[in-house]
Amino acid sequence: MKATENHNGQKIRINTVVMGEPAKWLNEWKRRGIVTSYTDAIIQALRVFNERLTEQDLKSAQLENIQRIGE
């Protein structure tokens, strides 16, 4: 993985081989037209992963606030 910066912000090049079940998912998504390329699939997957992490962080912060108020 190589990190570089371009004029639009951050850019990372990932050169990897995907095998097993994730490779099957990628092929199926591309065959069904859900993604236009493997790059598109990875970007979409990272966006979903980021959304889930953000939701988890928000829920954790909410729980901390509720516990703090209850003290």
PDB file of N, CA and C in Angstrom:
ATOM      1  N   MET A   1       0.861  -1.163   0.000  1.00  0.00           N
ATOM      2  CA  MET A   1       0.000   0.000   0.000  1.00  0.00           C
ATOM      3  C   MET A   1       0.906   1.224   0.000  1.00  0.00           C
ATOM      4  N   LYS A   2       0.656   2.118  -0.921  1.00  0.00           N
ATOM      5  CA  LYS A   2       1.481   3.309  -1.038  1.00  0.00           C
ATOM      6  C   LYS A   2       0.584   4.534  -0.925  1.00  0.00           C
ATOM      7  N   ALA A   3       0.907   5.414   0.016  1.00  0.00           N
ATOM      8  CA  ALA A   3       0.113   6.624   0.204  1.00  0.00           C
ATOM      9  C   ALA A   3       0.774   7.774  -0.538  1.00  0.00           C
ATOM     10  N   THR A   4      -0.017   8.477  -1.306  1.00  0.00           N
ATOM     11  CA  THR A   4       0.455   9.672  -2.001  1.00  0.00           C
ATOM     12  C   THR A   4      -0.605  10.740  -1.859  1.00  0.00           C
ATOM     13  N   GLU A   5      -0.240  11.952  -2.130  1.00  0.00           N
ATOM     14  CA  GLU A   5      -1.215  13.036  -2.076  1.00  0.00           C
ATOM     15  C   GLU A   5      -1.317  13.648  -3.457  1.00  0.00           C
ATOM     16  N   ASN A   6      -2.538  13.813  -3.946  1.00  0.00           N
ATOM     17  CA  ASN A   6      -2.728  14.467  -5.228  1.00  0.00           C
ATOM     18  C   ASN A   6      -3.421  15.804  -5.015  1.00  0.00           C
ATOM     19  N   HIS A   7      -3.770  16.472  -6.095  1.00  0.00           N
ATOM     20  CA  HIS A   7      -4.372  17.804  -5.971  1.00  0.00           C
ATOM     21  C   HIS A   7      -5.782  17.769  -5.392  1.00  0.00           C
ATOM     22  N   ASN A   8      -6.463  16.616  -5.374  1.00  0.00           N
ATOM     23  CA  ASN A   8      -7.819  16.523  -4.840  1.00  0.00           C
ATOM     24  C   ASN A   8      -7.879  15.996  -3.408  1.00  0.00           C
ATOM     25  N   GLY A   9      -6.753  15.679  -2.826  1.00  0.00           N
ATOM     26  CA  GLY A   9      -6.762  15.126  -1.471  1.00  0.00           C
ATOM     27  C   GLY A   9      -5.891  13.899  -1.384  1.00  0.00           C
ATOM     28  N   GLN A  10      -6.323  12.944  -0.585  1.00  0.00           N
ATOM     29  CA  GLN A  10      -5.541  11.744  -0.348  1.00  0.00           C
ATOM     30  C   GLN A  10      -5.748  10.718  -1.462  1.00  0.00           C
ATOM     31  N   LYS A  11      -4.696   9.945  -1.696  1.00  0.00           N
ATOM     32  CA  LYS A  11      -4.755   8.878  -2.686  1.00  0.00           C
ATOM     33  C   LYS A  11      -3.896   7.726  -2.170  1.00  0.00           C
ATOM     34  N   ILE A  12      -4.456   6.521  -2.191  1.00  0.00           N
ATOM     35  CA  ILE A  12      -3.727   5.339  -1.752  1.00  0.00           C
ATOM     36  C   ILE A  12      -3.844   4.288  -2.846  1.00  0.00           C
ATOM     37  N   ARG A  13      -2.724   3.713  -3.203  1.00  0.00           N
ATOM     38  CA  ARG A  13      -2.723   2.623  -4.183  1.00  0.00           C
ATOM     39  C   ARG A  13      -2.611   1.305  -3.428  1.00  0.00           C
ATOM     40  N   ILE A  14      -3.555   0.392  -3.696  1.00  0.00           N
ATOM     41  CA  ILE A  14      -3.556  -0.916  -3.063  1.00  0.00           C
ATOM     42  C   ILE A  14      -3.392  -1.964  -4.160  1.00  0.00           C
ATOM     43  N   ASN A  15      -2.347  -2.721  -4.073  1.00  0.00           N
ATOM     44  CA  ASN A  15      -2.100  -3.795  -5.028  1.00  0.00           C
ATOM     45  C   ASN A  15      -2.187  -5.106  -4.260  1.00  0.00           C
ATOM     46  N   THR A  16      -3.279  -5.855  -4.454  1.00  0.00           N
ATOM     47  CA  THR A  16      -3.493  -7.067  -3.671  1.00  0.00           C
ATOM     48  C   THR A  16      -4.248  -8.105  -4.485  1.00  0.00           C
ATOM     49  N   VAL A  17      -4.236  -9.315  -4.015  1.00  0.00           N
ATOM     50  CA  VAL A  17      -5.009 -10.404  -4.612  1.00  0.00           C
ATOM     51  C   VAL A  17      -6.114 -10.770  -3.640  1.00  0.00           C
ATOM     52  N   VAL A  18      -7.331 -10.840  -4.131  1.00  0.00           N
ATOM     53  CA  VAL A  18      -8.485 -11.222  -3.312  1.00  0.00           C
ATOM     54  C   VAL A  18      -8.828 -12.661  -3.666  1.00  0.00           C
ATOM     55  N   MET A  19      -8.928 -13.495  -2.640  1.00  0.00           N
ATOM     56  CA  MET A  19      -9.191 -14.922  -2.869  1.00  0.00           C
ATOM     57  C   MET A  19     -10.354 -15.386  -2.014  1.00  0.00           C
ATOM     58  N   GLY A  20     -10.860 -16.561  -2.323  1.00  0.00           N
ATOM     59  CA  GLY A  20     -11.891 -17.178  -1.505  1.00  0.00           C
ATOM     60  C   GLY A  20     -13.248 -16.513  -1.653  1.00  0.00           C
ATOM     61  N   GLU A  21     -13.988 -16.516  -0.546  1.00  0.00           N
ATOM     62  CA  GLU A  21     -15.357 -15.995  -0.557  1.00  0.00           C
ATOM     63  C   GLU A  21     -15.441 -14.526  -0.987  1.00  0.00           C
ATOM     64  N   PRO A  22     -14.554 -13.626  -0.496  1.00  0.00           N
ATOM     65  CA  PRO A  22     -14.624 -12.242  -0.977  1.00  0.00           C
ATOM     66  C   PRO A  22     -14.444 -12.127  -2.493  1.00  0.00           C
ATOM     67  N   ALA A  23     -13.616 -12.978  -3.082  1.00  0.00           N
ATOM     68  CA  ALA A  23     -13.449 -12.965  -4.541  1.00  0.00           C
ATOM     69  C   ALA A  23     -14.744 -13.379  -5.229  1.00  0.00           C
ATOM     70  N   LYS A  24     -15.446 -14.364  -4.641  1.00  0.00           N
ATOM     71  CA  LYS A  24     -16.738 -14.785  -5.194  1.00  0.00           C
ATOM     72  C   LYS A  24     -17.736 -13.637  -5.150  1.00  0.00           C
ATOM     73  N   TRP A  25     -17.746 -12.917  -4.000  1.00  0.00           N
ATOM     74  CA  TRP A  25     -18.654 -11.771  -3.881  1.00  0.00           C
ATOM     75  C   TRP A  25     -18.372 -10.753  -4.973  1.00  0.00           C
ATOM     76  N   LEU A  26     -17.101 -10.416  -5.150  1.00  0.00           N
ATOM     77  CA  LEU A  26     -16.730  -9.413  -6.149  1.00  0.00           C
ATOM     78  C   LEU A  26     -17.161  -9.834  -7.547  1.00  0.00           C
ATOM     79  N   ASN A  27     -16.889 -11.081  -7.898  1.00  0.00           N
ATOM     80  CA  ASN A  27     -17.285 -11.570  -9.223  1.00  0.00           C
ATOM     81  C   ASN A  27     -18.793 -11.533  -9.409  1.00  0.00           C
ATOM     82  N   GLU A  28     -19.531 -11.938  -8.379  1.00  0.00           N
ATOM     83  CA  GLU A  28     -20.994 -11.942  -8.455  1.00  0.00           C
ATOM     84  C   GLU A  28     -21.538 -10.518  -8.583  1.00  0.00           C
ATOM     85  N   TRP A  29     -21.008  -9.588  -7.790  1.00  0.00           N
ATOM     86  CA  TRP A  29     -21.464  -8.190  -7.861  1.00  0.00           C
ATOM     87  C   TRP A  29     -21.198  -7.604  -9.240  1.00  0.00           C
ATOM     88  N   LYS A  30     -20.047  -7.929  -9.809  1.00  0.00           N
ATOM     89  CA  LYS A  30     -19.710  -7.408 -11.132  1.00  0.00           C
ATOM     90  C   LYS A  30     -20.601  -8.053 -12.195  1.00  0.00           C
ATOM     91  N   ARG A  31     -20.833  -9.352 -12.089  1.00  0.00           N
ATOM     92  CA  ARG A  31     -21.684 -10.049 -13.048  1.00  0.00           C
ATOM     93  C   ARG A  31     -23.105  -9.482 -13.035  1.00  0.00           C
ATOM     94  N   ARG A  32     -23.611  -9.169 -11.843  1.00  0.00           N
ATOM     95  CA  ARG A  32     -24.968  -8.633 -11.697  1.00  0.00           C
ATOM     96  C   ARG A  32     -25.067  -7.148 -12.020  1.00  0.00           C
ATOM     97  N   GLY A  33     -23.935  -6.493 -12.256  1.00  0.00           N
ATOM     98  CA  GLY A  33     -23.953  -5.067 -12.578  1.00  0.00           C
ATOM     99  C   GLY A  33     -24.095  -4.174 -11.359  1.00  0.00           C
ATOM    100  N   ILE A  34     -23.931  -4.739 -10.175  1.00  0.00           N
ATOM    101  CA  ILE A  34     -24.028  -3.943  -8.945  1.00  0.00           C
ATOM    102  C   ILE A  34     -22.845  -2.997  -8.843  1.00  0.00           C
ATOM    103  N   VAL A  35     -21.689  -3.460  -9.305  1.00  0.00           N
ATOM    104  CA  VAL A  35     -20.489  -2.630  -9.361  1.00  0.00           C
ATOM    105  C   VAL A  35     -19.981  -2.632 -10.795  1.00  0.00           C
ATOM    106  N   THR A  36     -19.321  -1.555 -11.176  1.00  0.00           N
ATOM    107  CA  THR A  36     -18.817  -1.452 -12.552  1.00  0.00           C
ATOM    108  C   THR A  36     -17.414  -2.012 -12.701  1.00  0.00           C
ATOM    109  N   SER A  37     -16.688  -2.084 -11.586  1.00  0.00           N
ATOM    110  CA  SER A  37     -15.321  -2.598 -11.614  1.00  0.00           C
ATOM    111  C   SER A  37     -14.958  -3.069 -10.215  1.00  0.00           C
ATOM    112  N   TYR A  38     -13.829  -3.737 -10.122  1.00  0.00           N
ATOM    113  CA  TYR A  38     -13.374  -4.168  -8.801  1.00  0.00           C
ATOM    114  C   TYR A  38     -12.996  -2.962  -7.944  1.00  0.00           C
ATOM    115  N   THR A  39     -12.457  -1.941  -8.565  1.00  0.00           N
ATOM    116  CA  THR A  39     -12.148  -0.706  -7.836  1.00  0.00           C
ATOM    117  C   THR A  39     -13.425  -0.104  -7.267  1.00  0.00           C
ATOM    118  N   ASP A  40     -14.474  -0.046  -8.095  1.00  0.00           N
ATOM    119  CA  ASP A  40     -15.771   0.458  -7.650  1.00  0.00           C
ATOM    120  C   ASP A  40     -16.285  -0.359  -6.466  1.00  0.00           C
ATOM    121  N   ALA A  41     -16.141  -1.676  -6.535  1.00  0.00           N
ATOM    122  CA  ALA A  41     -16.604  -2.549  -5.450  1.00  0.00           C
ATOM    123  C   ALA A  41     -15.867  -2.258  -4.153  1.00  0.00           C
ATOM    124  N   ILE A  42     -14.563  -2.104  -4.227  1.00  0.00           N
ATOM    125  CA  ILE A  42     -13.777  -1.835  -3.024  1.00  0.00           C
ATOM    126  C   ILE A  42     -14.149  -0.490  -2.436  1.00  0.00           C
ATOM    127  N   ILE A  43     -14.320   0.519  -3.277  1.00  0.00           N
ATOM    128  CA  ILE A  43     -14.695   1.853  -2.786  1.00  0.00           C
ATOM    129  C   ILE A  43     -16.068   1.801  -2.116  1.00  0.00           C
ATOM    130  N   GLN A  44     -17.032   1.104  -2.739  1.00  0.00           N
ATOM    131  CA  GLN A  44     -18.365   0.984  -2.131  1.00  0.00           C
ATOM    132  C   GLN A  44     -18.289   0.241  -0.802  1.00  0.00           C
ATOM    133  N   ALA A  45     -17.502  -0.821  -0.747  1.00  0.00           N
ATOM    134  CA  ALA A  45     -17.360  -1.584   0.487  1.00  0.00           C
ATOM    135  C   ALA A  45     -16.741  -0.741   1.590  1.00  0.00           C
ATOM    136  N   LEU A  46     -15.743   0.052   1.245  1.00  0.00           N
ATOM    137  CA  LEU A  46     -15.114   0.926   2.246  1.00  0.00           C
ATOM    138  C   LEU A  46     -16.093   1.979   2.746  1.00  0.00           C
ATOM    139  N   ARG A  47     -16.940   2.494   1.855  1.00  0.00           N
ATOM    140  CA  ARG A  47     -17.947   3.477   2.284  1.00  0.00           C
ATOM    141  C   ARG A  47     -18.925   2.862   3.276  1.00  0.00           C
ATOM    142  N   VAL A  48     -19.392   1.649   2.984  1.00  0.00           N
ATOM    143  CA  VAL A  48     -20.327   0.966   3.892  1.00  0.00           C
ATOM    144  C   VAL A  48     -19.643   0.682   5.224  1.00  0.00           C
ATOM    145  N   PHE A  49     -18.396   0.217   5.169  1.00  0.00           N
ATOM    146  CA  PHE A  49     -17.642  -0.058   6.391  1.00  0.00           C
ATOM    147  C   PHE A  49     -17.505   1.213   7.229  1.00  0.00           C
ATOM    148  N   ASN A  50     -17.200   2.323   6.587  1.00  0.00           N
ATOM    149  CA  ASN A  50     -17.072   3.596   7.295  1.00  0.00           C
ATOM    150  C   ASN A  50     -18.404   4.022   7.906  1.00  0.00           C
ATOM    151  N   GLU A  51     -19.504   3.840   7.186  1.00  0.00           N
ATOM    152  CA  GLU A  51     -20.825   4.182   7.718  1.00  0.00           C
ATOM    153  C   GLU A  51     -21.130   3.351   8.969  1.00  0.00           C
ATOM    154  N   ARG A  52     -20.834   2.065   8.907  1.00  0.00           N
ATOM    155  CA  ARG A  52     -21.095   1.189  10.063  1.00  0.00           C
ATOM    156  C   ARG A  52     -20.237   1.570  11.255  1.00  0.00           C
ATOM    157  N   LEU A  53     -18.980   1.896  11.010  1.00  0.00           N
ATOM    158  CA  LEU A  53     -18.117   2.331  12.110  1.00  0.00           C
ATOM    159  C   LEU A  53     -18.611   3.633  12.716  1.00  0.00           C
ATOM    160  N   THR A  54     -19.055   4.554  11.872  1.00  0.00           N
ATOM    161  CA  THR A  54     -19.581   5.830  12.351  1.00  0.00           C
ATOM    162  C   THR A  54     -20.833   5.599  13.201  1.00  0.00           C
ATOM    163  N   GLU A  55     -21.723   4.707  12.740  1.00  0.00           N
ATOM    164  CA  GLU A  55     -22.920   4.378  13.513  1.00  0.00           C
ATOM    165  C   GLU A  55     -22.554   3.761  14.863  1.00  0.00           C
ATOM    166  N   GLN A  56     -21.575   2.866  14.849  1.00  0.00           N
ATOM    167  CA  GLN A  56     -21.130   2.221  16.082  1.00  0.00           C
ATOM    168  C   GLN A  56     -20.545   3.250  17.046  1.00  0.00           C
ATOM    169  N   ASP A  57     -19.738   4.176  16.525  1.00  0.00           N
ATOM    170  CA  ASP A  57     -19.169   5.228  17.369  1.00  0.00           C
ATOM    171  C   ASP A  57     -20.257   6.110  17.962  1.00  0.00           C
ATOM    172  N   LEU A  58     -21.275   6.428  17.166  1.00  0.00           N
ATOM    173  CA  LEU A  58     -22.374   7.255  17.648  1.00  0.00           C
ATOM    174  C   LEU A  58     -23.151   6.537  18.756  1.00  0.00           C
ATOM    175  N   LYS A  59     -23.431   5.260  18.543  1.00  0.00           N
ATOM    176  CA  LYS A  59     -24.142   4.496  19.569  1.00  0.00           C
ATOM    177  C   LYS A  59     -23.329   4.409  20.851  1.00  0.00           C
ATOM    178  N   SER A  60     -22.033   4.246  20.726  1.00  0.00           N
ATOM    179  CA  SER A  60     -21.159   4.180  21.897  1.00  0.00           C
ATOM    180  C   SER A  60     -21.171   5.511  22.646  1.00  0.00           C
ATOM    181  N   ALA A  61     -21.120   6.615  21.903  1.00  0.00           N
ATOM    182  CA  ALA A  61     -21.152   7.939  22.532  1.00  0.00           C
ATOM    183  C   ALA A  61     -22.494   8.178  23.212  1.00  0.00           C
ATOM    184  N   GLN A  62     -23.576   7.741  22.577  1.00  0.00           N
ATOM    185  CA  GLN A  62     -24.896   7.896  23.174  1.00  0.00           C
ATOM    186  C   GLN A  62     -25.004   7.101  24.470  1.00  0.00           C
ATOM    187  N   LEU A  63     -24.480   5.891  24.466  1.00  0.00           N
ATOM    188  CA  LEU A  63     -24.515   5.061  25.667  1.00  0.00           C
ATOM    189  C   LEU A  63     -23.712   5.705  26.794  1.00  0.00           C
ATOM    190  N   GLU A  64     -22.550   6.244  26.475  1.00  0.00           N
ATOM    191  CA  GLU A  64     -21.730   6.938  27.483  1.00  0.00           C
ATOM    192  C   GLU A  64     -22.489   8.115  28.056  1.00  0.00           C
ATOM    193  N   ASN A  65     -23.181   8.871  27.201  1.00  0.00           N
ATOM    194  CA  ASN A  65     -23.962  10.020  27.676  1.00  0.00           C
ATOM    195  C   ASN A  65     -25.102   9.595  28.585  1.00  0.00           C
ATOM    196  N   ILE A  66     -25.792   8.526  28.220  1.00  0.00           N
ATOM    197  CA  ILE A  66     -26.890   8.020  29.047  1.00  0.00           C
ATOM    198  C   ILE A  66     -26.363   7.561  30.408  1.00  0.00           C
ATOM    199  N   GLN A  67     -25.239   6.858  30.397  1.00  0.00           N
ATOM    200  CA  GLN A  67     -24.647   6.390  31.663  1.00  0.00           C
ATOM    201  C   GLN A  67     -24.193   7.552  32.521  1.00  0.00           C
ATOM    202  N   ARG A  68     -23.641   8.572  31.901  1.00  0.00           N
ATOM    203  CA  ARG A  68     -23.171   9.740  32.644  1.00  0.00           C
ATOM    204  C   ARG A  68     -24.352  10.500  33.254  1.00  0.00           C
ATOM    205  N   ILE A  69     -25.423  10.609  32.499  1.00  0.00           N
ATOM    206  CA  ILE A  69     -26.616  11.310  33.012  1.00  0.00           C
ATOM    207  C   ILE A  69     -27.227  10.525  34.167  1.00  0.00           C
ATOM    208  N   GLY A  70     -27.174   9.203  34.083  1.00  0.00           N
ATOM    209  CA  GLY A  70     -27.765   8.357  35.120  1.00  0.00           C
ATOM    210  C   GLY A  70     -26.995   8.352  36.409  1.00  0.00           C
ATOM    211  N   GLU A  71     -25.782   8.872  36.418  1.00  0.00           N
ATOM    212  CA  GLU A  71     -24.964   8.859  37.649  1.00  0.00           C
ATOM    213  C   GLU A  71     -25.371   9.931  38.610  1.00  0.00           C
TER     214      GLU A  71
END
